N, C-alpha and C. Protein backbone atom coordinates (compact mmCIF):
# COMPACT_ATOMS: atom_id res chain seq x y z
N UNK A 1 -8.39 4.42 5.10
CA UNK A 1 -6.98 4.31 5.42
C UNK A 1 -6.15 4.13 4.15
N UNK A 2 -6.66 3.36 3.18
CA UNK A 2 -5.93 3.17 1.94
C UNK A 2 -5.73 4.50 1.21
N UNK A 3 -6.76 5.34 1.19
CA UNK A 3 -6.63 6.64 0.53
C UNK A 3 -5.60 7.52 1.23
N UNK A 4 -5.54 7.45 2.55
CA UNK A 4 -4.54 8.22 3.29
C UNK A 4 -3.13 7.75 2.94
N UNK A 5 -2.94 6.44 2.87
CA UNK A 5 -1.63 5.91 2.51
C UNK A 5 -1.26 6.28 1.07
N UNK A 6 -2.24 6.22 0.17
CA UNK A 6 -1.96 6.64 -1.22
C UNK A 6 -1.51 8.09 -1.26
N UNK A 7 -2.20 8.94 -0.51
CA UNK A 7 -1.83 10.36 -0.48
C UNK A 7 -0.43 10.53 0.09
N UNK A 8 -0.13 9.81 1.14
CA UNK A 8 1.20 9.91 1.77
C UNK A 8 2.30 9.58 0.77
N UNK A 9 2.16 8.47 0.05
CA UNK A 9 3.22 8.04 -0.85
C UNK A 9 3.23 8.81 -2.16
N UNK A 10 2.12 9.43 -2.52
CA UNK A 10 2.09 10.32 -3.68
C UNK A 10 2.80 11.63 -3.37
N UNK A 11 2.58 12.15 -2.18
CA UNK A 11 3.16 13.42 -1.77
C UNK A 11 4.62 13.32 -1.34
N UNK A 12 5.08 12.10 -1.07
CA UNK A 12 6.46 11.90 -0.60
C UNK A 12 7.14 10.82 -1.44
N UNK A 13 7.63 11.18 -2.62
CA UNK A 13 8.22 10.20 -3.54
C UNK A 13 9.39 9.42 -2.93
N UNK A 14 10.16 10.03 -2.04
CA UNK A 14 11.27 9.29 -1.42
C UNK A 14 10.74 8.15 -0.56
N UNK A 15 9.64 8.39 0.14
CA UNK A 15 9.02 7.32 0.93
C UNK A 15 8.48 6.23 0.01
N UNK A 16 7.92 6.64 -1.13
CA UNK A 16 7.42 5.66 -2.09
C UNK A 16 8.56 4.77 -2.59
N UNK A 17 9.73 5.36 -2.82
CA UNK A 17 10.90 4.58 -3.25
C UNK A 17 11.31 3.57 -2.18
N UNK A 18 11.25 3.98 -0.93
CA UNK A 18 11.58 3.06 0.17
C UNK A 18 10.59 1.91 0.20
N UNK A 19 9.30 2.22 0.08
CA UNK A 19 8.27 1.19 0.09
C UNK A 19 8.46 0.23 -1.08
N UNK A 20 8.70 0.76 -2.28
CA UNK A 20 8.90 -0.10 -3.44
C UNK A 20 10.18 -0.92 -3.31
N UNK A 21 11.14 -0.40 -2.57
CA UNK A 21 12.40 -1.11 -2.35
C UNK A 21 12.26 -2.36 -1.50
N UNK A 22 11.10 -2.54 -0.87
CA UNK A 22 10.88 -3.75 -0.09
C UNK A 22 10.55 -4.94 -0.97
N UNK A 23 10.41 -4.71 -2.27
CA UNK A 23 10.17 -5.80 -3.21
C UNK A 23 8.86 -6.51 -2.93
N UNK A 24 8.92 -7.82 -2.86
CA UNK A 24 7.71 -8.63 -2.63
C UNK A 24 7.62 -9.11 -1.18
N UNK A 25 8.44 -8.54 -0.32
CA UNK A 25 8.46 -8.98 1.08
C UNK A 25 7.14 -8.70 1.78
N UNK A 26 6.78 -9.57 2.67
CA UNK A 26 5.60 -9.36 3.51
C UNK A 26 5.91 -8.23 4.49
N UNK A 27 4.97 -7.31 4.67
CA UNK A 27 5.17 -6.18 5.58
C UNK A 27 4.40 -6.43 6.86
N UNK A 28 5.12 -6.44 7.97
CA UNK A 28 4.50 -6.61 9.30
C UNK A 28 4.59 -5.26 10.01
N UNK A 29 3.47 -4.59 10.13
CA UNK A 29 3.44 -3.27 10.77
C UNK A 29 3.35 -3.47 12.27
N UNK A 30 4.27 -2.84 13.00
CA UNK A 30 4.30 -3.01 14.46
C UNK A 30 4.30 -1.68 15.19
N UNK A 31 3.78 -0.64 14.56
CA UNK A 31 3.70 0.68 15.19
C UNK A 31 2.65 0.72 16.28
N UNK A 32 2.40 1.89 16.77
CA UNK A 32 1.39 2.06 17.80
C UNK A 32 0.00 1.91 17.20
N UNK A 33 -0.92 1.42 17.97
CA UNK A 33 -2.29 1.29 17.49
C UNK A 33 -2.95 0.05 18.05
N UNK A 34 -4.08 -0.27 17.48
CA UNK A 34 -4.85 -1.42 17.94
C UNK A 34 -4.37 -2.70 17.28
N UNK A 35 -4.69 -3.86 17.82
CA UNK A 35 -4.32 -5.13 17.19
C UNK A 35 -4.93 -5.30 15.80
N UNK A 36 -5.96 -4.55 15.49
CA UNK A 36 -6.57 -4.60 14.17
C UNK A 36 -5.61 -4.10 13.10
N UNK A 37 -4.86 -3.05 13.41
CA UNK A 37 -4.00 -2.40 12.42
C UNK A 37 -2.58 -2.92 12.41
N UNK A 38 -2.13 -3.58 13.45
CA UNK A 38 -0.72 -3.96 13.51
C UNK A 38 -0.55 -5.45 13.77
N UNK A 39 0.72 -5.88 13.66
CA UNK A 39 1.08 -7.24 14.00
C UNK A 39 1.43 -7.26 15.47
N UNK A 40 0.78 -8.13 16.20
CA UNK A 40 1.03 -8.24 17.63
C UNK A 40 1.09 -9.73 17.97
N UNK A 41 2.26 -10.32 17.74
CA UNK A 41 2.38 -11.76 17.93
C UNK A 41 1.47 -12.49 16.98
N UNK A 42 0.70 -13.40 17.49
CA UNK A 42 -0.23 -14.15 16.64
C UNK A 42 -1.64 -13.57 16.69
N UNK A 43 -1.82 -12.46 17.43
CA UNK A 43 -3.17 -11.91 17.60
C UNK A 43 -3.47 -10.74 16.69
N UNK A 44 -2.46 -10.05 16.20
CA UNK A 44 -2.71 -8.87 15.37
C UNK A 44 -3.19 -9.22 13.97
N UNK A 45 -4.03 -8.37 13.42
CA UNK A 45 -4.55 -8.60 12.05
C UNK A 45 -3.68 -7.96 10.98
N UNK A 46 -2.84 -7.01 11.36
CA UNK A 46 -1.85 -6.41 10.45
C UNK A 46 -2.47 -5.73 9.23
N UNK A 47 -3.61 -5.07 9.39
CA UNK A 47 -4.24 -4.42 8.25
C UNK A 47 -3.39 -3.29 7.69
N UNK A 48 -2.62 -2.60 8.52
CA UNK A 48 -1.74 -1.56 7.99
C UNK A 48 -0.69 -2.18 7.07
N UNK A 49 -0.10 -3.29 7.49
CA UNK A 49 0.88 -3.99 6.66
C UNK A 49 0.27 -4.45 5.35
N UNK A 50 -0.93 -4.98 5.41
CA UNK A 50 -1.61 -5.44 4.19
C UNK A 50 -1.90 -4.28 3.24
N UNK A 51 -2.32 -3.16 3.79
CA UNK A 51 -2.59 -1.99 2.94
C UNK A 51 -1.30 -1.44 2.35
N UNK A 52 -0.21 -1.46 3.11
CA UNK A 52 1.08 -1.03 2.57
C UNK A 52 1.50 -1.93 1.41
N UNK A 53 1.25 -3.22 1.52
CA UNK A 53 1.55 -4.14 0.42
C UNK A 53 0.71 -3.80 -0.81
N UNK A 54 -0.55 -3.45 -0.61
CA UNK A 54 -1.41 -3.06 -1.72
C UNK A 54 -0.90 -1.78 -2.38
N UNK A 55 -0.57 -0.79 -1.58
CA UNK A 55 -0.06 0.48 -2.11
C UNK A 55 1.24 0.25 -2.87
N UNK A 56 2.11 -0.61 -2.31
CA UNK A 56 3.37 -0.93 -2.98
C UNK A 56 3.10 -1.56 -4.35
N UNK A 57 2.15 -2.49 -4.43
CA UNK A 57 1.81 -3.13 -5.70
C UNK A 57 1.28 -2.10 -6.71
N UNK A 58 0.47 -1.17 -6.24
CA UNK A 58 -0.05 -0.12 -7.12
C UNK A 58 1.08 0.77 -7.62
N UNK A 59 2.00 1.14 -6.74
CA UNK A 59 3.14 1.97 -7.15
C UNK A 59 4.01 1.26 -8.17
N UNK A 60 4.28 -0.02 -7.94
CA UNK A 60 5.11 -0.79 -8.87
C UNK A 60 4.42 -0.96 -10.21
N UNK A 61 3.11 -1.18 -10.20
CA UNK A 61 2.35 -1.30 -11.45
C UNK A 61 2.39 0.02 -12.21
N UNK A 62 2.24 1.09 -11.49
CA UNK A 62 2.27 2.42 -12.12
C UNK A 62 3.64 2.67 -12.76
N UNK A 63 4.70 2.29 -12.03
CA UNK A 63 6.06 2.46 -12.55
C UNK A 63 6.26 1.62 -13.81
N UNK A 64 5.62 0.45 -13.87
CA UNK A 64 5.75 -0.44 -15.02
C UNK A 64 4.89 -0.01 -16.21
N UNK A 65 4.12 1.06 -16.03
CA UNK A 65 3.33 1.58 -17.14
C UNK A 65 1.87 1.21 -17.13
N UNK A 66 1.42 0.60 -16.04
CA UNK A 66 0.00 0.28 -15.92
C UNK A 66 -0.70 1.42 -15.22
N UNK A 67 -1.89 1.74 -15.72
CA UNK A 67 -2.72 2.76 -15.08
C UNK A 67 -3.65 2.04 -14.13
N UNK A 68 -3.62 2.41 -12.88
CA UNK A 68 -4.46 1.76 -11.88
C UNK A 68 -5.86 2.36 -11.91
N UNK A 69 -6.84 1.52 -11.99
CA UNK A 69 -8.23 1.95 -11.92
C UNK A 69 -8.66 1.84 -10.47
N UNK A 70 -8.95 2.96 -9.84
CA UNK A 70 -9.39 2.94 -8.46
C UNK A 70 -8.25 3.07 -7.47
N UNK A 71 -7.01 2.94 -7.90
CA UNK A 71 -5.88 3.10 -7.01
C UNK A 71 -5.35 4.51 -7.14
N UNK A 72 -4.19 4.65 -7.77
CA UNK A 72 -3.60 5.97 -7.95
C UNK A 72 -4.21 6.70 -9.12
N UNK A 73 -4.94 6.00 -9.99
CA UNK A 73 -5.62 6.65 -11.10
C UNK A 73 -7.06 6.94 -10.73
N UNK A 74 -7.81 7.49 -11.67
CA UNK A 74 -9.23 7.74 -11.42
C UNK A 74 -9.98 6.43 -11.52
N UNK A 75 -11.05 6.31 -10.76
CA UNK A 75 -11.82 5.09 -10.85
C UNK A 75 -12.79 4.93 -9.70
N UNK A 76 -13.11 3.66 -9.42
CA UNK A 76 -14.17 3.38 -8.46
C UNK A 76 -13.70 3.21 -7.03
N UNK A 77 -12.39 3.30 -6.77
CA UNK A 77 -11.92 3.28 -5.40
C UNK A 77 -11.46 1.94 -4.86
N UNK A 78 -11.55 0.84 -5.65
CA UNK A 78 -11.15 -0.43 -5.06
C UNK A 78 -9.70 -0.78 -5.34
N UNK A 79 -9.06 -0.14 -6.31
CA UNK A 79 -7.65 -0.34 -6.57
C UNK A 79 -7.28 -1.75 -7.03
N UNK A 80 -8.25 -2.56 -7.41
CA UNK A 80 -7.99 -3.96 -7.71
C UNK A 80 -7.71 -4.23 -9.19
N UNK A 81 -8.20 -3.43 -10.09
CA UNK A 81 -8.06 -3.72 -11.51
C UNK A 81 -7.02 -2.80 -12.14
N UNK A 82 -6.19 -3.40 -12.99
CA UNK A 82 -5.15 -2.65 -13.69
C UNK A 82 -5.33 -2.86 -15.18
N UNK A 83 -4.98 -1.87 -15.97
CA UNK A 83 -4.96 -2.05 -17.41
C UNK A 83 -3.82 -1.23 -17.99
N UNK A 84 -3.31 -1.70 -19.13
CA UNK A 84 -2.17 -1.02 -19.77
C UNK A 84 -2.67 0.10 -20.65
C-alpha cells in the first residue's frame, strides 16, 4: 500500500502539494474500506492515515534536500532512513 501511495503522489504533484500542505497534522482517513485501513470511531486502526503521514514526511524531506533511502529514492523499501 505504501508503494501505491508513493506512486500516486509522485505521478500527481498537485496532490502531493495538498498532502504536504497538511503540515504536521494527524491524518484520519475515513474513506470506504475495512476498519483496518480507516478511522472508525475508536475501533479503526487508520493505517491509510498513518501511511499518508509517512508519505508526507518523505515528500517534505525530499523537498528539504534529503534523499530518502527506501522511500522515494532507491533502497531497501522501508522508507525509514534519510541522509543528506
